[in-house]
Amino acid sequence: MQNNKTPGSLHQAPVENRKLAQQLDNRHIQLIAIGGAIGTGLFMGSGKTINLSGSSIIFTYIIIGFFLFFVMRALGELLLSSSRFNSFADFASEYLGPWAGFFIGWTYWLSWVVACIGDVVVIGGYAQFWFPHLPLWIPAFGSLGLMLVMNMLSVRIFGEMEFWFALVKVVAIVALLLAGFFMVMSGYTSPDGVKASFSHLTESGTMFPHGISGFIAGFQIALFSFVGIELIGVAAAETKNPETNLPKAINAIPVRILLFYVLSLACIISVSSWQHIASDKSPFVGLFSLAGLPAAAAIVNFVVLTSALSSANSGVFSTSRMLFGLANENAAPRALGKLSALNIPLRGLLLSGFCMFSGAALLFLIPSVMGVFTLLSTLSAILLIFIWSIILFSWLAYRKQHPDLHHKSHYRLPGGSAMVWSCLVFFLLMLVALSLQADTRTGLIIAPLWFIWLAIAWRGRQSITSALPIQNRANK
């Protein structure tokens, strides 16, 4: 990655010479990676996934995590192959052509705008847990405004916020594991007469209670939990010593999936047995309640609110950086490629914030907030499947065009091309799975409209560029 001047000299640099400041330490990038690996889907949707898949949901998260780990390894090798690459839009343009950078950059921007809108509206719902009569728009707009202001000041503030948000999630999951393990070892029996036991994971009728269809349905929801796992690829340009910190963060993903998803879900099922877990409630709240903690609901509500804040914070950060990268690649208005005196892509931040505020305002006109959130989450996941696939296709092109760089790489993708094609087949199967349920099928129908619009915008941009004189075209 490119080395920048000291923060003090950057403040004095002319606008055209300013660069993104590398202010994120190892602890920031590690917790950003953890935050990306623990999505709101774990807290919000795990009850429904367990209800659909039984204990086989554990295999669901292992399978998804397995393939996404290799996507992240491909991302890591590409980013570290050249100091010119600040995000996946950069290497997509390099290896697949300018159209790929245009498509992946704008698609990633939209995916986070959509996800952030859903997050801040749900934050309003969480706040009403403590303040039932509080208008929904106050906490929703207030949290979004706070994220925007904090991201305007310094990338280090973003890193600090994400560090503490992720830490809250980690503490909550560790507390759940300790409570659940204690309940199993002490032979706890619930009011329903269910004795806590690890045998609930393997007993008859537990593994695939609704057959293969229930197992596949679990993938649809579990996939949402991993939205944001690629965020460390966006933050890489502002990370100190990325050659060390980026691989360290990516290599720890399997351990985090095992700890945060597999063990926590296994603990919940062992205590309650899958058929006693409500599909419309958080199983985290249920387990803490069974453990005899009177403030369980309030504690977990705070954790889920923090998780949504973390996701919204990530969305505000990543959208502004993606617009900055697009502008520098001439795929967005050049004005968005200028940094503030604090080395923040302020104009991109304000544009993204305006779109998020507008979307959140429109959601207040729709009565079913959670129904809209499901639609937005589905749409965001579909867009990210496209992004993850472009990353993999970029790796294939990089491997073909620069075998020397691949051979010299100290962070090569394990499994090579065979693993890349396996991941692409898996993503295709995920799209098929999303078409099987009505609530996710709607998002699958809407998503192609975005790509049609992008194709029209790209064609229009090419037409305008080709019509310019050669000198002006070079400046574009």
Protein backbone atom coordinates (compact mmCIF):
# COMPACT_ATOMS: atom_id res chain seq x y z
CA MET A 1 0.00 0.00 0.00
CA GLN A 2 1.15 3.52 -0.67
CA ASN A 3 2.86 5.45 2.09
CA ASN A 4 1.42 8.81 3.03
CA LYS A 5 2.85 11.88 4.71
CA THR A 6 2.38 12.59 8.36
CA PRO A 7 -1.07 13.82 9.36
CA GLY A 8 0.27 17.29 10.03
CA SER A 9 1.69 17.69 6.54
CA LEU A 10 -1.43 16.27 4.98
CA HIS A 11 -3.50 19.05 6.45
CA GLN A 12 -1.36 21.54 4.57
CA ALA A 13 -1.35 19.66 1.27
CA PRO A 14 -3.13 21.08 -1.77
CA VAL A 15 -6.53 19.51 -2.42
CA GLU A 16 -5.35 17.63 -5.51
CA ASN A 17 -2.41 16.08 -3.59
CA ARG A 18 -4.29 14.83 -0.56
CA LYS A 19 -4.51 11.10 0.06
CA LEU A 20 -6.49 8.87 2.38
CA ALA A 21 -4.72 8.83 5.74
CA GLN A 22 -3.48 5.50 7.12
CA GLN A 23 -4.79 5.95 10.67
CA LEU A 24 -6.23 2.48 11.44
CA ASP A 25 -4.15 0.35 13.81
CA ASN A 26 -4.05 -3.43 14.00
CA ARG A 27 -6.68 -3.48 16.78
CA HIS A 28 -9.01 -1.41 14.57
CA ILE A 29 -8.68 -3.67 11.53
CA GLN A 30 -9.06 -6.80 13.68
CA LEU A 31 -12.29 -5.53 15.28
CA ILE A 32 -13.59 -4.24 11.92
CA ALA A 33 -13.08 -7.78 10.64
CA ILE A 34 -14.89 -9.20 13.67
CA GLY A 35 -17.74 -6.71 13.24
CA GLY A 36 -18.05 -7.74 9.60
CA ALA A 37 -18.18 -11.39 10.60
CA ILE A 38 -20.98 -10.80 13.13
CA GLY A 39 -23.94 -9.33 11.28
CA THR A 40 -27.31 -8.35 12.69
CA GLY A 41 -28.67 -11.55 11.16
CA LEU A 42 -27.10 -13.56 13.97
CA PHE A 43 -29.03 -11.67 16.63
CA MET A 44 -32.18 -10.93 14.64
CA GLY A 45 -32.64 -13.97 12.42
CA SER A 46 -31.03 -16.90 14.20
CA GLY A 47 -34.32 -17.90 15.85
CA LYS A 48 -35.95 -18.27 12.45
CA THR A 49 -33.00 -20.18 11.00
CA ILE A 50 -33.00 -22.64 13.89
CA ASN A 51 -36.77 -23.07 13.56
CA LEU A 52 -36.37 -23.89 9.87
CA SER A 53 -33.21 -26.01 9.92
CA GLY A 54 -32.91 -27.45 13.41
CA SER A 55 -29.35 -28.24 14.43
CA SER A 56 -28.30 -28.49 10.76
CA ILE A 57 -28.12 -24.68 10.85
CA ILE A 58 -24.64 -25.21 12.28
CA PHE A 59 -23.58 -26.80 8.99
CA THR A 60 -25.22 -23.91 7.13
CA TYR A 61 -22.98 -21.34 8.80
CA ILE A 62 -19.90 -23.54 8.40
CA ILE A 63 -20.55 -23.93 4.66
CA ILE A 64 -21.19 -20.22 4.05
CA GLY A 65 -18.19 -19.24 6.16
CA PHE A 66 -15.99 -21.76 4.35
CA PHE A 67 -16.64 -20.26 0.91
CA LEU A 68 -16.51 -16.66 2.07
CA PHE A 69 -13.13 -17.27 3.68
CA PHE A 70 -11.72 -18.13 0.25
CA VAL A 71 -13.37 -15.05 -1.24
CA MET A 72 -11.56 -13.00 1.38
CA ARG A 73 -8.27 -14.78 0.64
CA ALA A 74 -8.67 -13.89 -3.04
CA LEU A 75 -9.44 -10.30 -2.00
CA GLY A 76 -6.34 -10.20 0.20
CA GLU A 77 -4.00 -11.52 -2.50
CA LEU A 78 -5.30 -9.01 -5.04
CA LEU A 79 -5.06 -6.01 -2.70
CA LEU A 80 -1.52 -6.89 -1.66
CA SER A 81 -0.37 -7.57 -5.23
CA SER A 82 0.00 -3.85 -6.00
CA SER A 83 0.28 -0.64 -3.98
CA ARG A 84 -2.06 1.00 -6.51
CA PHE A 85 -5.06 -0.98 -5.30
CA ASN A 86 -7.05 0.71 -2.54
CA SER A 87 -10.28 -1.29 -2.95
CA PHE A 88 -11.79 -4.08 -5.03
CA ALA A 89 -13.06 -1.54 -7.58
CA ASP A 90 -9.43 -0.76 -8.40
CA PHE A 91 -8.37 -4.31 -9.25
CA ALA A 92 -11.69 -5.09 -10.96
CA SER A 93 -11.00 -2.20 -13.37
CA GLU A 94 -7.42 -3.36 -13.84
CA TYR A 95 -8.15 -6.99 -14.65
CA LEU A 96 -11.68 -7.10 -16.03
CA GLY A 97 -11.92 -3.65 -17.57
CA PRO A 98 -13.28 -0.23 -16.58
CA TRP A 99 -16.87 -1.51 -16.79
CA ALA A 100 -16.20 -3.95 -13.92
CA GLY A 101 -14.90 -1.19 -11.66
CA PHE A 102 -17.91 0.92 -12.57
CA PHE A 103 -20.39 -1.89 -11.85
CA ILE A 104 -18.80 -3.22 -8.67
CA GLY A 105 -18.15 0.22 -7.23
CA TRP A 106 -21.66 1.57 -7.70
CA THR A 107 -23.22 -1.76 -6.69
CA TYR A 108 -21.25 -1.84 -3.45
CA TRP A 109 -22.27 1.75 -2.80
CA LEU A 110 -25.96 0.90 -3.30
CA SER A 111 -25.75 -2.28 -1.19
CA TRP A 112 -24.52 -0.30 1.81
CA VAL A 113 -26.97 2.57 1.27
CA VAL A 114 -29.80 0.03 1.26
CA ALA A 115 -28.44 -1.82 4.29
CA CYS A 116 -27.86 1.41 6.21
CA ILE A 117 -31.42 2.60 5.59
CA GLY A 118 -32.74 -0.66 6.98
CA ASP A 119 -30.41 -0.51 9.97
CA VAL A 120 -31.33 3.02 11.09
CA VAL A 121 -35.06 2.32 10.78
CA VAL A 122 -34.67 -0.82 12.89
CA ILE A 123 -32.59 1.20 15.39
CA GLY A 124 -35.72 3.33 15.84
CA GLY A 125 -37.67 0.21 16.68
CA TYR A 126 -35.05 -0.90 19.21
CA ALA A 127 -35.10 2.50 20.90
CA GLN A 128 -38.87 2.17 21.39
CA PHE A 129 -38.15 -0.78 23.68
CA TRP A 130 -37.16 1.76 26.34
CA PHE A 131 -39.22 4.71 25.05
CA PRO A 132 -42.47 3.25 23.66
CA HIS A 133 -43.96 6.63 22.72
CA LEU A 134 -40.85 8.00 21.05
CA PRO A 135 -41.51 8.76 17.35
CA LEU A 136 -39.63 6.33 15.14
CA TRP A 137 -37.91 9.04 13.11
CA ILE A 138 -36.08 10.59 16.08
CA PRO A 139 -33.71 7.68 16.91
CA ALA A 140 -33.47 6.68 13.22
CA PHE A 141 -32.46 10.13 11.98
CA GLY A 142 -30.47 10.84 15.14
CA SER A 143 -28.31 7.72 14.80
CA LEU A 144 -27.71 8.37 11.09
CA GLY A 145 -26.77 11.99 11.81
CA LEU A 146 -24.35 10.86 14.53
CA MET A 147 -22.67 8.39 12.17
CA LEU A 148 -22.25 11.07 9.51
CA VAL A 149 -20.76 13.62 11.91
CA MET A 150 -18.31 11.13 13.41
CA ASN A 151 -17.16 9.98 9.96
CA MET A 152 -16.62 13.61 8.91
CA LEU A 153 -14.00 14.14 11.59
CA SER A 154 -11.45 11.35 11.18
CA VAL A 155 -11.11 7.79 9.92
CA ARG A 156 -9.62 6.99 13.32
CA ILE A 157 -12.91 7.96 14.95
CA PHE A 158 -14.64 5.47 12.64
CA GLY A 159 -12.11 2.85 13.72
CA GLU A 160 -12.66 3.61 17.40
CA MET A 161 -16.46 3.45 17.04
CA GLU A 162 -16.29 0.17 15.17
CA PHE A 163 -13.82 -1.19 17.72
CA TRP A 164 -16.21 -0.62 20.63
CA PHE A 165 -19.33 -1.66 18.69
CA ALA A 166 -17.67 -4.96 17.77
CA LEU A 167 -16.38 -5.43 21.31
CA VAL A 168 -19.94 -5.23 22.69
CA LYS A 169 -21.01 -7.98 20.28
CA VAL A 170 -18.05 -10.17 21.26
CA VAL A 171 -18.74 -9.74 24.99
CA ALA A 172 -22.42 -10.64 24.48
CA ILE A 173 -21.58 -13.84 22.62
CA VAL A 174 -18.91 -14.88 25.12
CA ALA A 175 -21.42 -14.28 27.93
CA LEU A 176 -23.94 -16.47 26.11
CA LEU A 177 -21.38 -19.26 25.70
CA LEU A 178 -20.45 -19.17 29.39
CA ALA A 179 -24.09 -19.10 30.52
CA GLY A 180 -25.10 -21.88 28.15
CA PHE A 181 -22.18 -24.12 29.05
CA PHE A 182 -22.90 -23.66 32.76
CA MET A 183 -26.59 -24.54 32.24
CA VAL A 184 -25.70 -27.72 30.33
CA MET A 185 -23.10 -28.85 32.86
CA SER A 186 -25.39 -28.12 35.81
CA GLY A 187 -28.29 -30.07 34.26
CA TYR A 188 -30.63 -27.05 34.06
CA THR A 189 -34.29 -27.87 33.31
CA SER A 190 -36.49 -25.22 31.69
CA PRO A 191 -40.10 -24.43 32.75
CA ASP A 192 -41.17 -26.47 29.69
CA GLY A 193 -39.47 -29.51 31.15
CA VAL A 194 -36.54 -29.50 28.70
CA LYS A 195 -33.24 -30.51 30.30
CA ALA A 196 -30.19 -28.75 28.88
CA SER A 197 -27.99 -31.29 27.12
CA PHE A 198 -25.59 -31.49 24.18
CA SER A 199 -27.65 -34.47 22.98
CA HIS A 200 -30.22 -32.00 21.61
CA LEU A 201 -27.78 -31.39 18.74
CA THR A 202 -27.91 -34.99 17.48
CA GLU A 203 -31.12 -36.61 18.73
CA SER A 204 -33.62 -38.03 16.25
CA GLY A 205 -35.56 -35.45 14.22
CA THR A 206 -33.22 -32.62 15.19
CA MET A 207 -30.80 -32.45 12.28
CA PHE A 208 -33.26 -31.90 9.37
CA PRO A 209 -36.66 -31.42 11.03
CA HIS A 210 -38.24 -29.97 7.85
CA GLY A 211 -36.24 -31.95 5.35
CA ILE A 212 -33.95 -30.56 2.70
CA SER A 213 -36.28 -27.63 2.00
CA GLY A 214 -35.87 -26.36 5.56
CA PHE A 215 -32.10 -26.77 5.31
CA ILE A 216 -32.00 -24.70 2.10
CA ALA A 217 -34.28 -22.06 3.63
CA GLY A 218 -31.74 -21.61 6.40
CA PHE A 219 -29.15 -20.52 3.85
CA GLN A 220 -31.38 -17.67 2.69
CA ILE A 221 -31.40 -16.06 6.12
CA ALA A 222 -27.91 -17.04 7.30
CA LEU A 223 -26.36 -15.39 4.25
CA PHE A 224 -27.50 -11.99 5.55
CA SER A 225 -25.38 -12.48 8.67
CA PHE A 226 -22.17 -12.25 6.63
CA VAL A 227 -22.96 -8.99 4.86
CA GLY A 228 -19.99 -6.71 5.62
CA ILE A 229 -17.34 -9.41 5.85
CA GLU A 230 -15.54 -7.75 2.92
CA LEU A 231 -15.35 -4.37 4.70
CA ILE A 232 -11.70 -4.87 5.62
CA GLY A 233 -10.98 -4.72 1.89
CA VAL A 234 -12.42 -1.20 1.80
CA ALA A 235 -10.57 -0.11 4.95
CA ALA A 236 -7.25 -1.52 3.70
CA ALA A 237 -6.15 1.78 2.13
CA GLU A 238 -6.36 3.49 5.52
CA THR A 239 -4.66 0.74 7.49
CA LYS A 240 -1.17 1.01 8.93
CA ASN A 241 1.11 -1.80 7.72
CA PRO A 242 -1.55 -3.56 5.57
CA GLU A 243 0.91 -6.27 4.48
CA THR A 244 0.79 -7.61 8.05
CA ASN A 245 -2.60 -6.50 9.38
CA LEU A 246 -4.76 -7.49 6.40
CA PRO A 247 -3.64 -11.17 6.26
CA LYS A 248 -3.89 -11.41 10.04
CA ALA A 249 -7.50 -10.22 9.96
CA ILE A 250 -8.50 -12.52 7.09
CA ASN A 251 -6.75 -15.61 8.49
CA ALA A 252 -8.72 -15.29 11.74
CA ILE A 253 -12.10 -15.50 9.97
CA PRO A 254 -12.53 -19.32 10.39
CA VAL A 255 -11.89 -19.08 14.14
CA ARG A 256 -14.39 -16.22 14.43
CA ILE A 257 -17.06 -18.13 12.53
CA LEU A 258 -16.48 -21.17 14.74
CA LEU A 259 -16.70 -19.08 17.92
CA PHE A 260 -19.40 -16.54 17.09
CA TYR A 261 -21.75 -18.63 14.96
CA VAL A 262 -21.19 -22.35 15.40
CA LEU A 263 -20.57 -22.45 19.16
CA SER A 264 -23.22 -19.85 20.04
CA LEU A 265 -25.94 -21.60 18.00
CA ALA A 266 -24.90 -25.01 19.34
CA CYS A 267 -25.12 -23.58 22.86
CA ILE A 268 -28.62 -22.18 22.26
CA ILE A 269 -29.93 -25.47 20.82
CA SER A 270 -28.32 -27.50 23.64
CA VAL A 271 -30.11 -25.45 26.29
CA SER A 272 -33.55 -25.15 24.70
CA SER A 273 -33.77 -27.81 21.95
CA TRP A 274 -34.64 -26.45 18.51
CA GLN A 275 -38.46 -26.98 18.69
CA HIS A 276 -38.72 -24.75 21.78
CA ILE A 277 -37.01 -21.77 20.11
CA ALA A 278 -39.45 -19.12 18.82
CA SER A 279 -38.94 -18.07 15.22
CA ASP A 280 -40.02 -14.47 15.81
CA LYS A 281 -37.86 -13.76 18.88
CA SER A 282 -34.16 -13.54 19.58
CA PRO A 283 -32.87 -16.85 20.99
CA PHE A 284 -30.19 -14.80 22.77
CA VAL A 285 -32.90 -13.11 24.82
CA GLY A 286 -34.47 -16.50 25.46
CA LEU A 287 -31.29 -18.08 26.77
CA PHE A 288 -30.42 -15.17 29.08
CA SER A 289 -34.01 -15.19 30.37
CA LEU A 290 -33.78 -18.92 31.11
CA ALA A 291 -30.49 -18.26 32.91
CA GLY A 292 -32.44 -16.12 35.37
CA LEU A 293 -31.13 -12.72 34.36
CA PRO A 294 -34.03 -10.28 34.94
CA ALA A 295 -32.49 -7.63 32.68
CA ALA A 296 -31.90 -10.10 29.83
CA ALA A 297 -34.30 -8.48 27.39
CA ALA A 298 -32.85 -5.01 27.97
CA ILE A 299 -29.26 -6.28 27.74
CA VAL A 300 -29.79 -8.12 24.48
CA ASN A 301 -31.85 -5.27 23.06
CA PHE A 302 -28.84 -3.03 23.71
CA VAL A 303 -26.52 -5.54 22.02
CA VAL A 304 -28.75 -5.79 18.94
CA LEU A 305 -29.06 -2.00 18.80
CA THR A 306 -25.26 -1.79 18.96
CA SER A 307 -25.00 -4.35 16.17
CA ALA A 308 -27.30 -2.25 13.99
CA LEU A 309 -25.27 0.88 14.83
CA SER A 310 -22.11 -0.98 13.84
CA SER A 311 -23.64 -1.94 10.50
CA ALA A 312 -24.87 1.61 9.87
CA ASN A 313 -21.44 2.99 10.78
CA SER A 314 -19.81 0.60 8.31
CA GLY A 315 -22.26 1.67 5.63
CA VAL A 316 -21.56 5.37 6.10
CA PHE A 317 -17.80 4.75 5.99
CA SER A 318 -17.68 2.39 3.02
CA THR A 319 -20.06 4.31 0.74
CA SER A 320 -17.99 7.49 0.97
CA ARG A 321 -14.74 5.60 0.24
CA MET A 322 -16.27 3.79 -2.71
CA LEU A 323 -17.46 7.07 -4.26
CA PHE A 324 -13.96 8.48 -3.73
CA GLY A 325 -12.45 5.51 -5.56
CA LEU A 326 -14.99 5.71 -8.38
CA ALA A 327 -14.26 9.40 -8.90
CA ASN A 328 -10.52 8.71 -9.14
CA GLU A 329 -11.29 6.06 -11.76
CA ASN A 330 -13.43 8.57 -13.71
CA ALA A 331 -16.52 6.44 -12.98
CA ALA A 332 -18.19 9.15 -10.86
CA PRO A 333 -18.18 12.97 -10.88
CA ARG A 334 -14.64 14.22 -10.31
CA ALA A 335 -15.80 16.43 -7.44
CA LEU A 336 -16.34 13.28 -5.36
CA GLY A 337 -12.64 12.48 -5.65
CA LYS A 338 -11.51 15.43 -3.54
CA LEU A 339 -10.66 15.14 0.15
CA SER A 340 -11.30 17.59 2.97
CA ALA A 341 -8.51 19.15 5.03
CA LEU A 342 -8.89 16.14 7.38
CA ASN A 343 -8.34 13.74 4.45
CA ILE A 344 -11.98 12.62 4.47
CA PRO A 345 -13.97 12.16 1.21
CA LEU A 346 -16.50 14.66 2.53
CA ARG A 347 -18.48 15.19 -0.66
CA GLY A 348 -19.05 11.47 -1.11
CA LEU A 349 -20.00 11.23 2.55
CA LEU A 350 -22.60 13.98 2.19
CA LEU A 351 -24.06 12.49 -1.01
CA SER A 352 -24.37 9.05 0.59
CA GLY A 353 -25.88 10.60 3.72
CA PHE A 354 -28.45 12.48 1.66
CA CYS A 355 -29.52 9.25 -0.08
CA MET A 356 -29.74 7.44 3.26
CA PHE A 357 -31.83 10.20 4.84
CA SER A 358 -34.13 10.22 1.80
CA GLY A 359 -34.59 6.46 1.90
CA ALA A 360 -35.25 6.43 5.64
CA ALA A 361 -37.88 9.16 5.20
CA LEU A 362 -39.66 7.11 2.55
CA LEU A 363 -39.75 4.07 4.84
CA PHE A 364 -41.86 5.97 7.36
CA LEU A 365 -44.70 5.88 4.82
CA ILE A 366 -44.72 2.07 4.84
CA PRO A 367 -46.53 0.46 7.80
CA SER A 368 -44.50 -2.78 8.03
CA VAL A 369 -41.00 -1.71 9.04
CA MET A 370 -39.69 -5.25 9.52
CA GLY A 371 -41.20 -6.36 6.21
CA VAL A 372 -39.32 -3.60 4.45
CA PHE A 373 -36.17 -4.44 6.40
CA THR A 374 -36.37 -8.04 5.15
CA LEU A 375 -36.70 -6.81 1.58
CA LEU A 376 -33.77 -4.42 1.98
CA SER A 377 -31.60 -7.08 3.62
CA THR A 378 -32.36 -9.51 0.79
CA LEU A 379 -31.59 -6.93 -1.87
CA SER A 380 -28.32 -6.02 -0.14
CA ALA A 381 -27.28 -9.70 0.06
CA ILE A 382 -28.01 -10.23 -3.65
CA LEU A 383 -25.92 -7.21 -4.58
CA LEU A 384 -23.07 -8.52 -2.43
CA ILE A 385 -23.21 -11.93 -4.12
CA PHE A 386 -22.53 -10.03 -7.35
CA ILE A 387 -19.63 -8.16 -5.70
CA TRP A 388 -18.10 -11.31 -4.23
CA SER A 389 -18.35 -12.95 -7.67
CA ILE A 390 -16.60 -10.02 -9.38
CA ILE A 391 -13.78 -10.31 -6.84
CA LEU A 392 -13.37 -13.97 -7.81
CA PHE A 393 -13.48 -13.27 -11.55
CA SER A 394 -10.87 -10.55 -10.99
CA TRP A 395 -8.63 -13.10 -9.30
CA LEU A 396 -8.99 -15.48 -12.27
CA ALA A 397 -7.99 -12.69 -14.66
CA TYR A 398 -5.08 -11.66 -12.42
CA ARG A 399 -3.86 -15.26 -12.27
CA LYS A 400 -3.95 -15.49 -16.09
CA GLN A 401 -2.49 -12.05 -16.88
CA HIS A 402 0.20 -11.92 -14.17
CA PRO A 403 1.28 -15.45 -13.19
CA ASP A 404 4.58 -13.93 -12.04
CA LEU A 405 2.83 -11.78 -9.41
CA HIS A 406 0.82 -14.77 -8.25
CA HIS A 407 3.97 -16.88 -7.98
CA LYS A 408 5.80 -14.18 -5.97
CA SER A 409 2.83 -13.47 -3.70
CA HIS A 410 3.36 -14.18 0.00
CA TYR A 411 -0.40 -14.47 0.47
CA ARG A 412 -1.61 -16.78 -2.29
CA LEU A 413 -5.18 -18.05 -2.41
CA PRO A 414 -5.27 -21.69 -1.22
CA GLY A 415 -6.82 -24.04 -3.77
CA GLY A 416 -6.26 -21.69 -6.68
CA SER A 417 -8.64 -21.64 -9.64
CA ALA A 418 -10.49 -24.78 -8.55
CA MET A 419 -11.54 -23.12 -5.30
CA VAL A 420 -12.59 -19.94 -7.11
CA TRP A 421 -14.90 -21.88 -9.42
CA SER A 422 -16.30 -23.81 -6.44
CA CYS A 423 -17.19 -20.49 -4.77
CA LEU A 424 -18.87 -19.22 -7.94
CA VAL A 425 -20.99 -22.37 -8.20
CA PHE A 426 -21.97 -21.96 -4.55
CA PHE A 427 -23.11 -18.36 -5.15
CA LEU A 428 -25.20 -19.52 -8.11
CA LEU A 429 -26.88 -22.08 -5.86
CA MET A 430 -27.52 -19.32 -3.31
CA LEU A 431 -29.41 -17.29 -5.93
CA VAL A 432 -31.51 -20.36 -6.69
CA ALA A 433 -32.21 -20.74 -2.97
CA LEU A 434 -33.30 -17.10 -2.72
CA SER A 435 -35.90 -17.73 -5.41
CA LEU A 436 -37.66 -20.41 -3.36
CA GLN A 437 -39.26 -18.15 -0.73
CA ALA A 438 -41.69 -15.31 -1.45
CA ASP A 439 -40.06 -12.78 0.91
CA THR A 440 -36.62 -13.22 -0.69
CA ARG A 441 -37.91 -13.74 -4.23
CA THR A 442 -39.10 -10.13 -4.37
CA GLY A 443 -35.57 -8.84 -3.85
CA LEU A 444 -34.31 -11.22 -6.54
CA ILE A 445 -36.84 -9.76 -8.98
CA ILE A 446 -35.97 -6.14 -8.14
CA ALA A 447 -32.15 -6.54 -8.28
CA PRO A 448 -31.86 -6.87 -12.11
CA LEU A 449 -33.42 -3.38 -12.50
CA TRP A 450 -30.32 -1.90 -10.87
CA PHE A 451 -27.98 -3.66 -13.29
CA ILE A 452 -30.08 -2.58 -16.25
CA TRP A 453 -29.79 1.01 -15.04
CA LEU A 454 -26.01 0.60 -14.58
CA ALA A 455 -25.67 -0.74 -18.13
CA ILE A 456 -27.57 2.27 -19.46
CA ALA A 457 -25.44 4.68 -17.38
CA TRP A 458 -22.22 3.00 -18.52
CA ARG A 459 -23.26 3.12 -22.18
CA GLY A 460 -24.21 6.78 -21.83
CA ARG A 461 -20.89 7.57 -20.18
CA GLN A 462 -19.00 5.81 -22.99
CA SER A 463 -20.96 7.73 -25.61
CA ILE A 464 -20.17 11.07 -23.96
CA THR A 465 -16.50 10.20 -23.55
CA SER A 466 -16.09 9.07 -27.17
CA ALA A 467 -17.70 12.31 -28.40
CA LEU A 468 -15.15 14.51 -26.58
CA PRO A 469 -11.99 15.82 -28.26
CA ILE A 470 -8.95 13.64 -27.57
CA GLN A 471 -7.36 16.15 -25.16
CA ASN A 472 -10.54 16.52 -23.10
CA ARG A 473 -11.08 12.78 -23.17
CA ALA A 474 -7.68 12.24 -21.58
CA ASN A 475 -8.62 14.64 -18.80
CA LYS A 476 -11.79 12.64 -18.15
